[in-house]
Amino acid sequence: MATVKITQTGSPIRRTKDQRATLIGLGLNKMHKTVELTDTPEVRGMIRKVHHMVSVEG
């Protein structure tokens, strides 16, 4: 399975609750934290929702 590396680059302060929950769902909760997840349509949808607060590799 292909994987994707996601790094949190933006702060969830003054963001909506659903965007904060999406970051937590991705396993991100602190600035500059990086996680590696399986590249699935569900993960891609979550990334699309918070694309302004994350950077994606792979």
PDB file of N, CA and C in Angstrom:
ATOM      1  N   MET A   1       0.832  -1.185   0.000  1.00  0.00           N
ATOM      2  CA  MET A   1       0.000   0.000   0.000  1.00  0.00           C
ATOM      3  C   MET A   1       0.882   1.256   0.000  1.00  0.00           C
ATOM      4  N   ALA A   2       0.450   2.256  -0.732  1.00  0.00           N
ATOM      5  CA  ALA A   2       1.164   3.523  -0.769  1.00  0.00           C
ATOM      6  C   ALA A   2       0.898   4.295   0.518  1.00  0.00           C
ATOM      7  N   THR A   3       1.883   5.084   0.928  1.00  0.00           N
ATOM      8  CA  THR A   3       1.724   5.901   2.128  1.00  0.00           C
ATOM      9  C   THR A   3       1.919   7.360   1.768  1.00  0.00           C
ATOM     10  N   VAL A   4       1.457   8.211   2.648  1.00  0.00           N
ATOM     11  CA  VAL A   4       1.588   9.645   2.471  1.00  0.00           C
ATOM     12  C   VAL A   4       2.076  10.235   3.794  1.00  0.00           C
ATOM     13  N   LYS A   5       3.044  11.173   3.718  1.00  0.00           N
ATOM     14  CA  LYS A   5       3.566  11.852   4.905  1.00  0.00           C
ATOM     15  C   LYS A   5       2.866  13.193   5.037  1.00  0.00           C
ATOM     16  N   ILE A   6       2.309  13.445   6.214  1.00  0.00           N
ATOM     17  CA  ILE A   6       1.572  14.674   6.462  1.00  0.00           C
ATOM     18  C   ILE A   6       2.231  15.399   7.630  1.00  0.00           C
ATOM     19  N   THR A   7       2.543  16.682   7.435  1.00  0.00           N
ATOM     20  CA  THR A   7       3.153  17.501   8.470  1.00  0.00           C
ATOM     21  C   THR A   7       2.247  18.685   8.762  1.00  0.00           C
ATOM     22  N   GLN A   8       1.976  18.919  10.042  1.00  0.00           N
ATOM     23  CA  GLN A   8       1.141  20.062  10.417  1.00  0.00           C
ATOM     24  C   GLN A   8       1.987  21.321  10.358  1.00  0.00           C
ATOM     25  N   THR A   9       1.555  22.294   9.554  1.00  0.00           N
ATOM     26  CA  THR A   9       2.288  23.548   9.406  1.00  0.00           C
ATOM     27  C   THR A   9       1.508  24.744   9.927  1.00  0.00           C
ATOM     28  N   GLY A  10       0.209  24.573  10.184  1.00  0.00           N
ATOM     29  CA  GLY A  10      -0.617  25.671  10.659  1.00  0.00           C
ATOM     30  C   GLY A  10      -1.236  25.356  12.003  1.00  0.00           C
ATOM     31  N   SER A  11      -1.573  26.417  12.713  1.00  0.00           N
ATOM     32  CA  SER A  11      -2.142  26.272  14.039  1.00  0.00           C
ATOM     33  C   SER A  11      -3.666  26.120  13.955  1.00  0.00           C
ATOM     34  N   PRO A  12      -4.243  25.269  14.804  1.00  0.00           N
ATOM     35  CA  PRO A  12      -5.705  25.129  14.822  1.00  0.00           C
ATOM     36  C   PRO A  12      -6.403  26.220  15.637  1.00  0.00           C
ATOM     37  N   ILE A  13      -5.659  27.166  16.159  1.00  0.00           N
ATOM     38  CA  ILE A  13      -6.272  28.257  16.919  1.00  0.00           C
ATOM     39  C   ILE A  13      -7.145  29.081  15.975  1.00  0.00           C
ATOM     40  N   ARG A  14      -8.340  29.414  16.424  1.00  0.00           N
ATOM     41  CA  ARG A  14      -9.338  30.176  15.673  1.00  0.00           C
ATOM     42  C   ARG A  14      -9.811  29.451  14.418  1.00  0.00           C
ATOM     43  N   ARG A  15      -9.815  28.131  14.464  1.00  0.00           N
ATOM     44  CA  ARG A  15     -10.376  27.319  13.379  1.00  0.00           C
ATOM     45  C   ARG A  15     -11.642  26.668  13.891  1.00  0.00           C
ATOM     46  N   THR A  16     -12.436  26.165  12.986  1.00  0.00           N
ATOM     47  CA  THR A  16     -13.693  25.542  13.391  1.00  0.00           C
ATOM     48  C   THR A  16     -13.431  24.213  14.092  1.00  0.00           C
ATOM     49  N   LYS A  17     -14.417  23.769  14.857  1.00  0.00           N
ATOM     50  CA  LYS A  17     -14.266  22.524  15.616  1.00  0.00           C
ATOM     51  C   LYS A  17     -14.062  21.324  14.702  1.00  0.00           C
ATOM     52  N   ASP A  18     -14.720  21.333  13.551  1.00  0.00           N
ATOM     53  CA  ASP A  18     -14.561  20.185  12.659  1.00  0.00           C
ATOM     54  C   ASP A  18     -13.165  20.129  12.054  1.00  0.00           C
ATOM     55  N   GLN A  19     -12.527  21.275  11.825  1.00  0.00           N
ATOM     56  CA  GLN A  19     -11.150  21.263  11.330  1.00  0.00           C
ATOM     57  C   GLN A  19     -10.196  20.777  12.407  1.00  0.00           C
ATOM     58  N   ARG A  20     -10.412  21.182  13.635  1.00  0.00           N
ATOM     59  CA  ARG A  20      -9.592  20.681  14.743  1.00  0.00           C
ATOM     60  C   ARG A  20      -9.746  19.172  14.890  1.00  0.00           C
ATOM     61  N   ALA A  21     -10.984  18.699  14.782  1.00  0.00           N
ATOM     62  CA  ALA A  21     -11.241  17.267  14.906  1.00  0.00           C
ATOM     63  C   ALA A  21     -10.606  16.498  13.751  1.00  0.00           C
ATOM     64  N   THR A  22     -10.566  17.086  12.584  1.00  0.00           N
ATOM     65  CA  THR A  22      -9.934  16.436  11.439  1.00  0.00           C
ATOM     66  C   THR A  22      -8.440  16.291  11.665  1.00  0.00           C
ATOM     67  N   LEU A  23      -7.795  17.325  12.211  1.00  0.00           N
ATOM     68  CA  LEU A  23      -6.366  17.218  12.522  1.00  0.00           C
ATOM     69  C   LEU A  23      -6.114  16.098  13.528  1.00  0.00           C
ATOM     70  N   ILE A  24      -6.939  16.010  14.546  1.00  0.00           N
ATOM     71  CA  ILE A  24      -6.787  14.954  15.549  1.00  0.00           C
ATOM     72  C   ILE A  24      -7.023  13.589  14.903  1.00  0.00           C
ATOM     73  N   GLY A  25      -7.989  13.515  14.004  1.00  0.00           N
ATOM     74  CA  GLY A  25      -8.252  12.277  13.292  1.00  0.00           C
ATOM     75  C   GLY A  25      -7.077  11.831  12.438  1.00  0.00           C
ATOM     76  N   LEU A  26      -6.326  12.788  11.931  1.00  0.00           N
ATOM     77  CA  LEU A  26      -5.128  12.476  11.154  1.00  0.00           C
ATOM     78  C   LEU A  26      -3.943  12.127  12.048  1.00  0.00           C
ATOM     79  N   GLY A  27      -4.089  12.340  13.350  1.00  0.00           N
ATOM     80  CA  GLY A  27      -2.996  12.049  14.278  1.00  0.00           C
ATOM     81  C   GLY A  27      -2.095  13.233  14.512  1.00  0.00           C
ATOM     82  N   LEU A  28      -2.562  14.418  14.180  1.00  0.00           N
ATOM     83  CA  LEU A  28      -1.777  15.639  14.353  1.00  0.00           C
ATOM     84  C   LEU A  28      -2.380  16.472  15.475  1.00  0.00           C
ATOM     85  N   ASN A  29      -1.533  16.973  16.358  1.00  0.00           N
ATOM     86  CA  ASN A  29      -2.032  17.838  17.417  1.00  0.00           C
ATOM     87  C   ASN A  29      -1.037  18.921  17.813  1.00  0.00           C
ATOM     88  N   LYS A  30       0.157  18.901  17.238  1.00  0.00           N
ATOM     89  CA  LYS A  30       1.164  19.919  17.540  1.00  0.00           C
ATOM     90  C   LYS A  30       1.817  20.375  16.247  1.00  0.00           C
ATOM     91  N   MET A  31       2.283  21.602  16.253  1.00  0.00           N
ATOM     92  CA  MET A  31       2.947  22.151  15.082  1.00  0.00           C
ATOM     93  C   MET A  31       4.178  21.320  14.731  1.00  0.00           C
ATOM     94  N   HIS A  32       4.409  21.141  13.446  1.00  0.00           N
ATOM     95  CA  HIS A  32       5.571  20.449  12.880  1.00  0.00           C
ATOM     96  C   HIS A  32       5.621  18.964  13.204  1.00  0.00           C
ATOM     97  N   LYS A  33       4.522  18.398  13.668  1.00  0.00           N
ATOM     98  CA  LYS A  33       4.454  16.960  13.881  1.00  0.00           C
ATOM     99  C   LYS A  33       4.184  16.289  12.535  1.00  0.00           C
ATOM    100  N   THR A  34       4.835  15.158  12.301  1.00  0.00           N
ATOM    101  CA  THR A  34       4.686  14.430  11.041  1.00  0.00           C
ATOM    102  C   THR A  34       4.157  13.035  11.314  1.00  0.00           C
ATOM    103  N   VAL A  35       3.204  12.607  10.505  1.00  0.00           N
ATOM    104  CA  VAL A  35       2.674  11.253  10.577  1.00  0.00           C
ATOM    105  C   VAL A  35       2.702  10.650   9.178  1.00  0.00           C
ATOM    106  N   GLU A  36       2.774   9.331   9.119  1.00  0.00           N
ATOM    107  CA  GLU A  36       2.743   8.619   7.851  1.00  0.00           C
ATOM    108  C   GLU A  36       1.516   7.714   7.855  1.00  0.00           C
ATOM    109  N   LEU A  37       0.619   7.961   6.912  1.00  0.00           N
ATOM    110  CA  LEU A  37      -0.645   7.225   6.851  1.00  0.00           C
ATOM    111  C   LEU A  37      -0.791   6.541   5.496  1.00  0.00           C
ATOM    112  N   THR A  38      -1.630   5.532   5.457  1.00  0.00           N
ATOM    113  CA  THR A  38      -1.942   4.851   4.210  1.00  0.00           C
ATOM    114  C   THR A  38      -2.725   5.789   3.304  1.00  0.00           C
ATOM    115  N   ASP A  39      -2.373   5.816   2.042  1.00  0.00           N
ATOM    116  CA  ASP A  39      -3.015   6.703   1.084  1.00  0.00           C
ATOM    117  C   ASP A  39      -4.350   6.107   0.637  1.00  0.00           C
ATOM    118  N   THR A  40      -5.424   6.533   1.315  1.00  0.00           N
ATOM    119  CA  THR A  40      -6.777   6.065   0.991  1.00  0.00           C
ATOM    120  C   THR A  40      -7.645   7.273   0.634  1.00  0.00           C
ATOM    121  N   PRO A  41      -8.769   7.049   0.000  1.00  0.00           N
ATOM    122  CA  PRO A  41      -9.674   8.172  -0.310  1.00  0.00           C
ATOM    123  C   PRO A  41     -10.143   8.914   0.952  1.00  0.00           C
ATOM    124  N   GLU A  42     -10.311   8.184   2.054  1.00  0.00           N
ATOM    125  CA  GLU A  42     -10.744   8.813   3.296  1.00  0.00           C
ATOM    126  C   GLU A  42      -9.683   9.786   3.815  1.00  0.00           C
ATOM    127  N   VAL A  43      -8.426   9.356   3.791  1.00  0.00           N
ATOM    128  CA  VAL A  43      -7.324  10.213   4.257  1.00  0.00           C
ATOM    129  C   VAL A  43      -7.174  11.410   3.323  1.00  0.00           C
ATOM    130  N   ARG A  44      -7.296  11.191   2.020  1.00  0.00           N
ATOM    131  CA  ARG A  44      -7.202  12.294   1.057  1.00  0.00           C
ATOM    132  C   ARG A  44      -8.304  13.323   1.296  1.00  0.00           C
ATOM    133  N   GLY A  45      -9.499  12.881   1.644  1.00  0.00           N
ATOM    134  CA  GLY A  45     -10.591  13.802   1.940  1.00  0.00           C
ATOM    135  C   GLY A  45     -10.317  14.623   3.180  1.00  0.00           C
ATOM    136  N   MET A  46      -9.723  13.985   4.195  1.00  0.00           N
ATOM    137  CA  MET A  46      -9.379  14.713   5.422  1.00  0.00           C
ATOM    138  C   MET A  46      -8.291  15.739   5.130  1.00  0.00           C
ATOM    139  N   ILE A  47      -7.319  15.367   4.309  1.00  0.00           N
ATOM    140  CA  ILE A  47      -6.249  16.303   3.934  1.00  0.00           C
ATOM    141  C   ILE A  47      -6.841  17.486   3.182  1.00  0.00           C
ATOM    142  N   ARG A  48      -7.774  17.227   2.286  1.00  0.00           N
ATOM    143  CA  ARG A  48      -8.400  18.294   1.507  1.00  0.00           C
ATOM    144  C   ARG A  48      -9.125  19.280   2.412  1.00  0.00           C
ATOM    145  N   LYS A  49      -9.687  18.774   3.507  1.00  0.00           N
ATOM    146  CA  LYS A  49     -10.443  19.635   4.419  1.00  0.00           C
ATOM    147  C   LYS A  49      -9.538  20.600   5.192  1.00  0.00           C
ATOM    148  N   VAL A  50      -8.304  20.170   5.485  1.00  0.00           N
ATOM    149  CA  VAL A  50      -7.379  21.021   6.251  1.00  0.00           C
ATOM    150  C   VAL A  50      -6.103  21.313   5.453  1.00  0.00           C
ATOM    151  N   HIS A  51      -6.227  21.395   4.132  1.00  0.00           N
ATOM    152  CA  HIS A  51      -5.058  21.568   3.271  1.00  0.00           C
ATOM    153  C   HIS A  51      -4.263  22.837   3.582  1.00  0.00           C
ATOM    154  N   HIS A  52      -4.909  23.835   4.158  1.00  0.00           N
ATOM    155  CA  HIS A  52      -4.241  25.095   4.489  1.00  0.00           C
ATOM    156  C   HIS A  52      -3.416  25.004   5.776  1.00  0.00           C
ATOM    157  N   MET A  53      -3.526  23.887   6.504  1.00  0.00           N
ATOM    158  CA  MET A  53      -2.778  23.736   7.746  1.00  0.00           C
ATOM    159  C   MET A  53      -1.779  22.577   7.705  1.00  0.00           C
ATOM    160  N   VAL A  54      -1.667  21.895   6.578  1.00  0.00           N
ATOM    161  CA  VAL A  54      -0.766  20.748   6.487  1.00  0.00           C
ATOM    162  C   VAL A  54       0.037  20.817   5.191  1.00  0.00           C
ATOM    163  N   SER A  55       1.179  20.129   5.190  1.00  0.00           N
ATOM    164  CA  SER A  55       1.919  19.905   3.952  1.00  0.00           C
ATOM    165  C   SER A  55       2.001  18.400   3.746  1.00  0.00           C
ATOM    166  N   VAL A  56       1.954  17.999   2.485  1.00  0.00           N
ATOM    167  CA  VAL A  56       1.859  16.588   2.145  1.00  0.00           C
ATOM    168  C   VAL A  56       3.022  16.197   1.256  1.00  0.00           C
ATOM    169  N   GLU A  57       3.633  15.053   1.557  1.00  0.00           N
ATOM    170  CA  GLU A  57       4.693  14.476   0.726  1.00  0.00           C
ATOM    171  C   GLU A  57       4.273  13.068   0.346  1.00  0.00           C
ATOM    172  N   GLY A  58       4.534  12.728  -0.890  1.00  0.00           N
ATOM    173  CA  GLY A  58       4.294  11.360  -1.326  1.00  0.00           C
ATOM    174  C   GLY A  58       2.992  11.157  -1.863  1.00  0.00           C
TER     175      GLY A  58
END
